[in-house]
């Protein structure tokens, strides 16, 4: 593992491509990603050149160290074109928790540049045996989103006697040491390639493991931002992007052809006018809350302070609210089009199921609302939250 950086095969970062052209290509090819159950490798390379994977890497390693809000806006735009691509691109934020690797390991990790494509599966945690060389890792992990295009993969392990404070340990290894078991058969976000990951007798040195949610080994503003909060945010913003795309789709359709039943155009129907206004207001309100909480937390971090539990809880609440609102707005938009959107491959049918999957994620589902409520009421927070 000491020469891990040499097997990543990173190319020097290219000049930023025209982001609009990339977005247009993603939109045009989203059916392709759904059919093959992963985002095509050439799109991963273009995301890399566009700076997605260096955005959250500290400048000391050659990264752009963008603010969380800047990164989330990039993901939101991608998700507006295709939810699956937005979801895969969101894991560019993994650089913030990879920062918990020891500093010498980070320097090896970024030896060939900051554009490292990382993916992984955290659960279920699999027991790993400690040996003189590190840990022997075996097992199967669920939901390996983006692993088809990754250079590095991390998996969650448990180690007897591990002093991790209850947080999971992640073993990081070259992607070629991991078998991807193609079994991602779902109704939404099909293009994420979230297959099972299988590892057999791979020895991972301890210096290539990290505590998920643990403190960074180096100091940079971006690494002091709440990493678990950011992990929830970058997924939630996919829901906002999908909802924006769905709402725009309906608005574009509304002035089009008359219904086959002879009913007026959508734009001429009073109930559609009211529904569009409500959906627009709800989406903009959720988005404003989301970015307001993001900017407030970032200001605290930039000032050199640690965000309080209450501040981080509001950050998590804004993410959960964004995911739920995104799903609600997408459902409302889809309902307005009647049977038009029930066909496989229709953009609204895809948006509906994508938004549903986002809101079901463990970082964003109804249980996270309960956890936020506990903290806001002055009750003890649950383990792992916020």
Protein backbone atom coordinates (compact mmCIF):
# COMPACT_ATOMS: atom_id res chain seq x y z
CA UNK A 1 0.00 0.00 0.00
CA UNK A 2 2.97 2.37 0.34
CA UNK A 3 2.95 2.88 -3.43
CA UNK A 4 -0.84 3.24 -3.58
CA UNK A 5 -0.69 6.61 -5.35
CA UNK A 6 1.18 5.00 -8.23
CA UNK A 7 -1.75 2.72 -9.05
CA UNK A 8 -4.40 5.45 -9.16
CA UNK A 9 -3.32 6.55 -12.65
CA UNK A 10 -4.41 10.14 -12.23
CA UNK A 11 -4.05 12.48 -15.17
CA UNK A 12 -2.96 16.08 -14.67
CA UNK A 13 -5.97 18.31 -14.17
CA UNK A 14 -7.19 19.75 -17.47
CA UNK A 15 -8.46 23.28 -17.92
CA UNK A 16 -12.08 23.54 -16.70
CA UNK A 17 -14.49 22.47 -19.42
CA UNK A 18 -17.52 24.47 -20.26
CA UNK A 19 -19.84 23.39 -17.46
CA UNK A 20 -22.97 24.14 -19.48
CA UNK A 21 -21.82 21.76 -22.22
CA UNK A 22 -21.14 19.03 -19.66
CA UNK A 23 -24.58 19.50 -18.11
CA UNK A 24 -26.23 19.32 -21.53
CA UNK A 25 -24.38 16.09 -22.34
CA UNK A 26 -25.38 14.54 -19.00
CA UNK A 27 -29.01 15.42 -19.65
CA UNK A 28 -28.88 13.94 -23.15
CA UNK A 29 -27.32 10.68 -21.91
CA UNK A 30 -29.22 10.03 -18.68
CA UNK A 31 -31.13 7.18 -20.28
CA UNK A 32 -27.79 5.54 -21.07
CA UNK A 33 -26.73 5.69 -17.42
CA UNK A 34 -30.03 4.19 -16.29
CA UNK A 35 -29.84 1.33 -18.78
CA UNK A 36 -26.27 0.33 -17.91
CA UNK A 37 -26.73 1.07 -14.17
CA UNK A 38 -23.73 3.38 -13.86
CA UNK A 39 -22.45 6.72 -15.07
CA UNK A 40 -20.19 6.25 -18.08
CA UNK A 41 -16.45 6.56 -17.49
CA UNK A 42 -15.99 9.42 -19.94
CA UNK A 43 -18.46 11.48 -17.89
CA UNK A 44 -16.53 10.66 -14.71
CA UNK A 45 -13.40 11.95 -16.44
CA UNK A 46 -15.19 15.14 -17.46
CA UNK A 47 -16.46 15.62 -13.90
CA UNK A 48 -12.86 15.22 -12.78
CA UNK A 49 -11.66 17.87 -15.25
CA UNK A 50 -14.49 20.16 -14.17
CA UNK A 51 -13.05 20.08 -10.65
CA UNK A 52 -15.66 18.01 -8.84
CA UNK A 53 -13.12 15.75 -7.14
CA UNK A 54 -10.65 18.48 -6.20
CA UNK A 55 -13.28 20.95 -5.01
CA UNK A 56 -13.23 19.84 -1.36
CA UNK A 57 -9.53 19.01 -1.16
CA UNK A 58 -7.39 21.44 0.85
CA UNK A 59 -5.11 23.79 -1.02
CA UNK A 60 -2.11 22.27 0.76
CA UNK A 61 -2.71 19.17 -1.40
CA UNK A 62 -3.37 21.11 -4.59
CA UNK A 63 -7.13 21.19 -4.18
CA UNK A 64 -9.52 24.08 -4.78
CA UNK A 65 -10.90 24.09 -1.20
CA UNK A 66 -14.23 25.51 -2.30
CA UNK A 67 -16.83 26.40 0.28
CA UNK A 68 -19.55 23.81 1.03
CA UNK A 69 -22.14 26.08 -0.59
CA UNK A 70 -20.08 26.36 -3.79
CA UNK A 71 -19.73 22.60 -4.00
CA UNK A 72 -23.41 21.99 -3.29
CA UNK A 73 -24.42 24.39 -6.06
CA UNK A 74 -22.28 22.41 -8.50
CA UNK A 75 -23.96 19.16 -7.46
CA UNK A 76 -27.40 20.77 -7.60
CA UNK A 77 -26.86 21.80 -11.22
CA UNK A 78 -25.66 18.33 -12.19
CA UNK A 79 -28.64 16.71 -10.45
CA UNK A 80 -31.00 19.04 -12.29
CA UNK A 81 -29.83 17.29 -15.46
CA UNK A 82 -29.67 13.78 -13.96
CA UNK A 83 -30.16 12.64 -10.38
CA UNK A 84 -27.85 9.64 -10.68
CA UNK A 85 -24.94 11.69 -11.99
CA UNK A 86 -25.51 14.27 -9.27
CA UNK A 87 -25.47 11.52 -6.65
CA UNK A 88 -22.22 10.03 -7.95
CA UNK A 89 -20.60 13.47 -8.25
CA UNK A 90 -21.61 14.32 -4.68
CA UNK A 91 -19.01 11.86 -3.39
CA UNK A 92 -16.39 14.40 -4.33
CA UNK A 93 -17.12 15.61 -0.80
CA UNK A 94 -15.55 12.41 0.56
CA UNK A 95 -12.25 14.31 0.60
CA UNK A 96 -13.42 15.92 3.84
CA UNK A 97 -13.57 12.65 5.74
CA UNK A 98 -10.58 11.14 3.97
CA UNK A 99 -8.76 13.95 5.78
CA UNK A 100 -8.95 11.75 8.89
CA UNK A 101 -6.22 9.58 7.33
CA UNK A 102 -2.74 10.29 8.78
CA UNK A 103 -0.99 13.22 7.11
CA UNK A 104 1.78 11.07 5.54
CA UNK A 105 -0.93 8.90 3.98
CA UNK A 106 -2.73 11.95 2.64
CA UNK A 107 0.46 13.12 0.99
CA UNK A 108 0.79 9.73 -0.73
CA UNK A 109 -2.90 9.83 -1.65
CA UNK A 110 -2.53 13.16 -3.43
CA UNK A 111 0.99 12.60 -4.75
CA UNK A 112 -0.27 12.57 -8.34
CA UNK A 113 -2.78 15.37 -7.85
CA UNK A 114 -5.98 16.10 -5.95
CA UNK A 115 -8.46 14.63 -8.46
CA UNK A 116 -8.95 11.32 -6.64
CA UNK A 117 -12.25 9.53 -7.34
CA UNK A 118 -13.28 7.77 -4.14
CA UNK A 119 -16.34 5.63 -3.42
CA UNK A 120 -17.28 2.95 -0.97
CA UNK A 121 -19.74 1.11 1.20
CA UNK A 122 -19.80 1.65 4.94
CA UNK A 123 -22.39 -0.85 6.17
CA UNK A 124 -22.80 -3.45 7.39
CA UNK A 125 -19.56 -3.13 9.33
CA UNK A 126 -17.52 -6.29 8.85
CA UNK A 127 -15.11 -7.64 11.48
CA UNK A 128 -11.45 -7.26 10.52
CA UNK A 129 -8.57 -9.18 12.06
CA UNK A 130 -5.57 -7.20 13.27
CA UNK A 131 -2.22 -8.54 12.02
CA UNK A 132 1.30 -7.06 12.14
CA UNK A 133 0.84 -5.56 8.65
CA UNK A 134 -2.49 -3.92 9.53
CA UNK A 135 -5.95 -5.47 9.12
CA UNK A 136 -7.19 -8.44 7.12
CA UNK A 137 -10.42 -7.30 5.50
CA UNK A 138 -13.17 -9.64 4.32
CA UNK A 139 -16.86 -9.19 3.69
CA UNK A 140 -19.67 -7.76 1.62
CA UNK A 141 -20.97 -4.21 1.79
CA UNK A 142 -24.17 -2.63 0.45
CA UNK A 143 -24.71 0.54 -1.56
CA UNK A 144 -21.32 1.09 -3.20
CA UNK A 145 -22.54 4.14 -5.13
CA UNK A 146 -20.12 5.35 -7.78
CA UNK A 147 -17.71 2.45 -7.31
CA UNK A 148 -17.79 1.57 -11.01
CA UNK A 149 -15.81 4.73 -11.78
CA UNK A 150 -13.68 5.00 -8.64
CA UNK A 151 -9.92 4.72 -8.22
CA UNK A 152 -10.13 4.11 -4.48
CA UNK A 153 -12.77 2.30 -2.45
CA UNK A 154 -13.39 2.37 1.28
CA UNK A 155 -15.33 -0.19 3.33
CA UNK A 156 -16.51 -0.13 6.92
CA UNK A 157 -14.83 -2.47 9.40
CA UNK A 158 -15.07 -3.23 13.09
CA UNK A 159 -12.00 -4.12 15.11
CA UNK A 160 -12.10 -5.68 18.56
CA UNK A 161 -10.91 -3.19 21.15
CA UNK A 162 -10.90 -0.31 18.67
CA UNK A 163 -10.83 3.06 20.48
CA UNK A 164 -12.96 4.83 17.87
CA UNK A 165 -15.59 6.27 20.19
CA UNK A 166 -18.33 4.23 18.54
CA UNK A 167 -17.62 5.65 15.08
CA UNK A 168 -16.94 3.21 12.22
CA UNK A 169 -13.45 2.59 10.89
CA UNK A 170 -13.00 2.70 7.11
CA UNK A 171 -10.36 0.67 5.28
CA UNK A 172 -9.19 2.35 2.06
CA UNK A 173 -7.79 0.28 -0.81
CA UNK A 174 -7.25 0.40 -4.60
CA UNK A 175 -10.45 -0.25 -6.51
CA UNK A 176 -8.93 -3.29 -8.25
CA UNK A 177 -8.78 -5.12 -4.89
CA UNK A 178 -12.58 -4.96 -4.67
CA UNK A 179 -15.10 -7.11 -6.53
CA UNK A 180 -18.25 -5.28 -7.60
CA UNK A 181 -21.24 -7.59 -7.47
CA UNK A 182 -23.73 -6.24 -10.00
CA UNK A 183 -27.05 -6.42 -8.19
CA UNK A 184 -28.36 -2.83 -8.21
CA UNK A 185 -31.97 -3.53 -9.23
CA UNK A 186 -34.05 -0.57 -8.04
CA UNK A 187 -36.71 1.93 -9.15
CA UNK A 188 -34.75 5.15 -8.63
CA UNK A 189 -31.20 6.47 -9.03
CA UNK A 190 -30.51 3.42 -11.19
CA UNK A 191 -27.50 5.06 -12.79
CA UNK A 192 -25.55 5.33 -9.52
CA UNK A 193 -24.26 1.76 -9.80
CA UNK A 194 -24.77 1.22 -6.07
CA UNK A 195 -23.87 -2.47 -6.26
CA UNK A 196 -22.55 -4.66 -3.46
CA UNK A 197 -18.81 -4.57 -2.78
CA UNK A 198 -16.94 -7.78 -1.98
CA UNK A 199 -13.46 -7.92 -0.44
CA UNK A 200 -11.53 -11.16 0.12
CA UNK A 201 -8.41 -11.36 2.30
CA UNK A 202 -7.08 -7.90 1.53
CA UNK A 203 -4.46 -6.63 3.98
CA UNK A 204 -4.89 -2.91 4.62
CA UNK A 205 -2.15 -1.15 6.62
CA UNK A 206 -3.49 0.76 9.63
CA UNK A 207 -2.28 4.04 8.15
CA UNK A 208 -4.73 3.49 5.27
CA UNK A 209 -7.69 3.37 7.64
CA UNK A 210 -9.64 6.26 9.14
CA UNK A 211 -12.40 6.88 11.64
CA UNK A 212 -15.50 8.02 9.74
CA UNK A 213 -16.51 11.33 11.29
CA UNK A 214 -13.20 11.59 13.16
CA UNK A 215 -11.03 14.68 13.33
CA UNK A 216 -8.81 15.56 10.37
CA UNK A 217 -5.09 14.98 10.73
CA UNK A 218 -4.30 18.33 9.08
CA UNK A 219 -5.75 21.77 9.66
CA UNK A 220 -7.80 23.46 6.96
CA UNK A 221 -11.12 25.28 7.13
CA UNK A 222 -12.82 22.76 4.87
CA UNK A 223 -11.71 19.89 7.10
CA UNK A 224 -13.17 21.57 10.21
CA UNK A 225 -16.63 21.82 8.69
CA UNK A 226 -18.92 19.08 10.16
CA UNK A 227 -18.13 16.12 7.91
CA UNK A 228 -21.28 14.12 8.70
CA UNK A 229 -23.39 17.21 8.16
CA UNK A 230 -21.74 17.76 4.80
CA UNK A 231 -22.27 14.11 3.87
CA UNK A 232 -26.01 14.61 4.39
CA UNK A 233 -26.05 17.95 2.58
CA UNK A 234 -24.44 16.80 -0.65
CA UNK A 235 -27.05 14.05 -0.96
CA UNK A 236 -29.97 16.30 -0.04
CA UNK A 237 -29.00 18.87 -2.64
CA UNK A 238 -29.45 16.17 -5.28
CA UNK A 239 -33.12 16.19 -4.30
CA UNK A 240 -33.28 19.95 -4.77
CA UNK A 241 -31.72 19.66 -8.22
CA UNK A 242 -34.05 16.86 -9.28
CA UNK A 243 -37.07 18.88 -8.11
CA UNK A 244 -35.90 21.96 -10.01
CA UNK A 245 -35.52 19.88 -13.14
CA UNK A 246 -38.98 18.36 -12.70
CA UNK A 247 -40.65 21.71 -12.13
CA UNK A 248 -38.96 23.21 -15.18
CA UNK A 249 -40.08 20.20 -17.22
CA UNK A 250 -43.72 20.83 -16.32
CA UNK A 251 -43.44 24.56 -16.98
CA UNK A 252 -41.98 23.81 -20.41
CA UNK A 253 -44.80 21.33 -21.12
CA UNK A 254 -47.58 23.55 -19.82
CA UNK A 255 -47.89 25.73 -22.89
CA UNK A 256 -47.66 22.82 -25.30
CA UNK A 257 -50.16 20.52 -26.90
CA UNK A 258 -53.80 20.25 -25.87
CA UNK A 259 -54.82 17.11 -23.97
CA UNK A 260 -56.06 14.16 -26.05
CA UNK A 261 -59.36 14.51 -24.14
CA UNK A 262 -59.77 18.04 -25.44
CA UNK A 263 -59.03 19.67 -22.09
CA UNK A 264 -57.25 23.06 -22.06
CA UNK A 265 -53.49 23.31 -22.07
CA UNK A 266 -51.91 22.85 -18.65
CA UNK A 267 -50.97 26.52 -18.43
CA UNK A 268 -54.63 27.54 -18.86
CA UNK A 269 -55.91 25.41 -15.98
CA UNK A 270 -56.47 27.21 -12.70
CA UNK A 271 -55.48 24.31 -10.46
CA UNK A 272 -52.18 23.96 -12.36
CA UNK A 273 -51.44 27.66 -11.92
CA UNK A 274 -51.98 27.40 -8.16
CA UNK A 275 -49.97 24.18 -7.84
CA UNK A 276 -47.02 25.58 -9.80
CA UNK A 277 -46.97 28.69 -7.60
CA UNK A 278 -47.02 26.60 -4.40
CA UNK A 279 -44.34 24.23 -5.67
CA UNK A 280 -42.08 27.11 -6.70
CA UNK A 281 -42.49 28.76 -3.30
CA UNK A 282 -41.87 25.55 -1.38
CA UNK A 283 -38.76 24.68 -3.38
CA UNK A 284 -37.28 28.15 -3.09
CA UNK A 285 -38.00 28.26 0.65
CA UNK A 286 -36.33 24.88 1.27
CA UNK A 287 -33.36 25.92 -0.85
CA UNK A 288 -33.01 29.22 1.04
CA UNK A 289 -33.05 27.41 4.41
CA UNK A 290 -30.52 24.90 3.11
CA UNK A 291 -27.99 27.47 1.91
CA UNK A 292 -28.58 29.81 4.87
CA UNK A 293 -27.66 27.01 7.31
CA UNK A 294 -24.67 26.11 5.14
CA UNK A 295 -23.33 29.66 5.03
CA UNK A 296 -23.87 30.21 8.76
CA UNK A 297 -21.92 27.06 9.64
CA UNK A 298 -19.16 28.00 7.19
CA UNK A 299 -18.85 31.49 8.76
CA UNK A 300 -18.36 29.90 12.17
CA UNK A 301 -15.71 27.54 10.82
CA UNK A 302 -13.89 30.31 8.95
CA UNK A 303 -13.79 32.35 12.17
CA UNK A 304 -11.85 29.51 13.81
CA UNK A 305 -14.69 28.34 16.03
CA UNK A 306 -16.34 24.95 16.31
CA UNK A 307 -20.03 24.82 15.34
CA UNK A 308 -22.21 24.01 18.33
CA UNK A 309 -24.45 20.95 18.49
CA UNK A 310 -27.42 23.24 17.90
CA UNK A 311 -25.86 24.81 14.78
CA UNK A 312 -24.92 21.41 13.37
CA UNK A 313 -28.40 20.11 14.16
CA UNK A 314 -29.97 22.94 12.14
CA UNK A 315 -27.56 22.06 9.32
CA UNK A 316 -28.78 18.46 9.40
CA UNK A 317 -32.40 19.59 9.68
CA UNK A 318 -32.03 21.82 6.62
CA UNK A 319 -30.65 18.86 4.66
CA UNK A 320 -33.50 16.53 5.68
CA UNK A 321 -36.06 19.23 4.94
CA UNK A 322 -34.51 19.84 1.51
CA UNK A 323 -34.70 16.14 0.63
CA UNK A 324 -38.33 15.84 1.74
CA UNK A 325 -39.38 19.05 0.03
CA UNK A 326 -37.60 18.02 -3.14
CA UNK A 327 -39.55 14.75 -3.18
CA UNK A 328 -42.84 16.55 -2.46
CA UNK A 329 -42.31 19.13 -5.22
CA UNK A 330 -41.31 16.43 -7.71
CA UNK A 331 -44.41 14.39 -6.87
CA UNK A 332 -46.60 17.48 -7.27
CA UNK A 333 -45.01 18.31 -10.63
CA UNK A 334 -45.50 14.75 -11.86
CA UNK A 335 -49.15 14.63 -10.80
CA UNK A 336 -49.94 17.73 -12.85
CA UNK A 337 -49.06 15.97 -16.11
CA UNK A 338 -51.52 13.10 -15.73
CA UNK A 339 -50.69 10.00 -17.76
CA UNK A 340 -48.02 11.80 -19.78
CA UNK A 341 -45.35 10.99 -17.20
CA UNK A 342 -46.22 7.37 -16.45
CA UNK A 343 -44.07 5.91 -19.23
CA UNK A 344 -40.68 4.37 -18.52
CA UNK A 345 -37.95 6.75 -19.59
CA UNK A 346 -40.03 9.90 -19.27
CA UNK A 347 -37.99 12.61 -17.49
CA UNK A 348 -40.71 13.12 -14.88
CA UNK A 349 -41.06 9.41 -14.16
CA UNK A 350 -37.31 9.25 -13.59
CA UNK A 351 -37.36 12.39 -11.44
CA UNK A 352 -40.18 11.02 -9.28
CA UNK A 353 -38.37 7.82 -8.36
CA UNK A 354 -35.00 9.54 -8.01
CA UNK A 355 -36.40 12.08 -5.55
CA UNK A 356 -38.07 9.31 -3.56
CA UNK A 357 -34.76 7.46 -3.15
CA UNK A 358 -32.96 10.62 -2.01
CA UNK A 359 -35.52 11.23 0.73
CA UNK A 360 -35.29 7.58 1.88
CA UNK A 361 -31.56 7.75 2.63
CA UNK A 362 -30.59 7.04 6.24
CA UNK A 363 -28.98 10.51 6.52
CA UNK A 364 -32.21 12.22 5.41
CA UNK A 365 -35.25 10.11 6.26
CA UNK A 366 -37.99 10.75 8.82
CA UNK A 367 -35.84 9.42 11.66
CA UNK A 368 -33.44 12.34 11.21
CA UNK A 369 -36.32 14.73 11.83
CA UNK A 370 -36.93 13.03 15.17
CA UNK A 371 -33.24 13.29 16.03
CA UNK A 372 -33.24 17.01 15.21
CA UNK A 373 -36.35 17.53 17.29
CA UNK A 374 -34.71 15.88 20.29
CA UNK A 375 -31.77 18.28 20.19
CA UNK A 376 -33.97 21.34 19.62
CA UNK A 377 -36.02 20.34 22.68
CA UNK A 378 -32.89 20.07 24.81
CA UNK A 379 -32.85 16.26 24.95
CA UNK A 380 -29.66 14.19 24.53
CA UNK A 381 -28.77 13.53 20.88
CA UNK A 382 -28.75 9.99 19.56
CA UNK A 383 -25.40 8.30 18.70
CA UNK A 384 -24.00 9.53 15.40
CA UNK A 385 -26.18 12.64 15.31
CA UNK A 386 -25.71 15.44 14.45
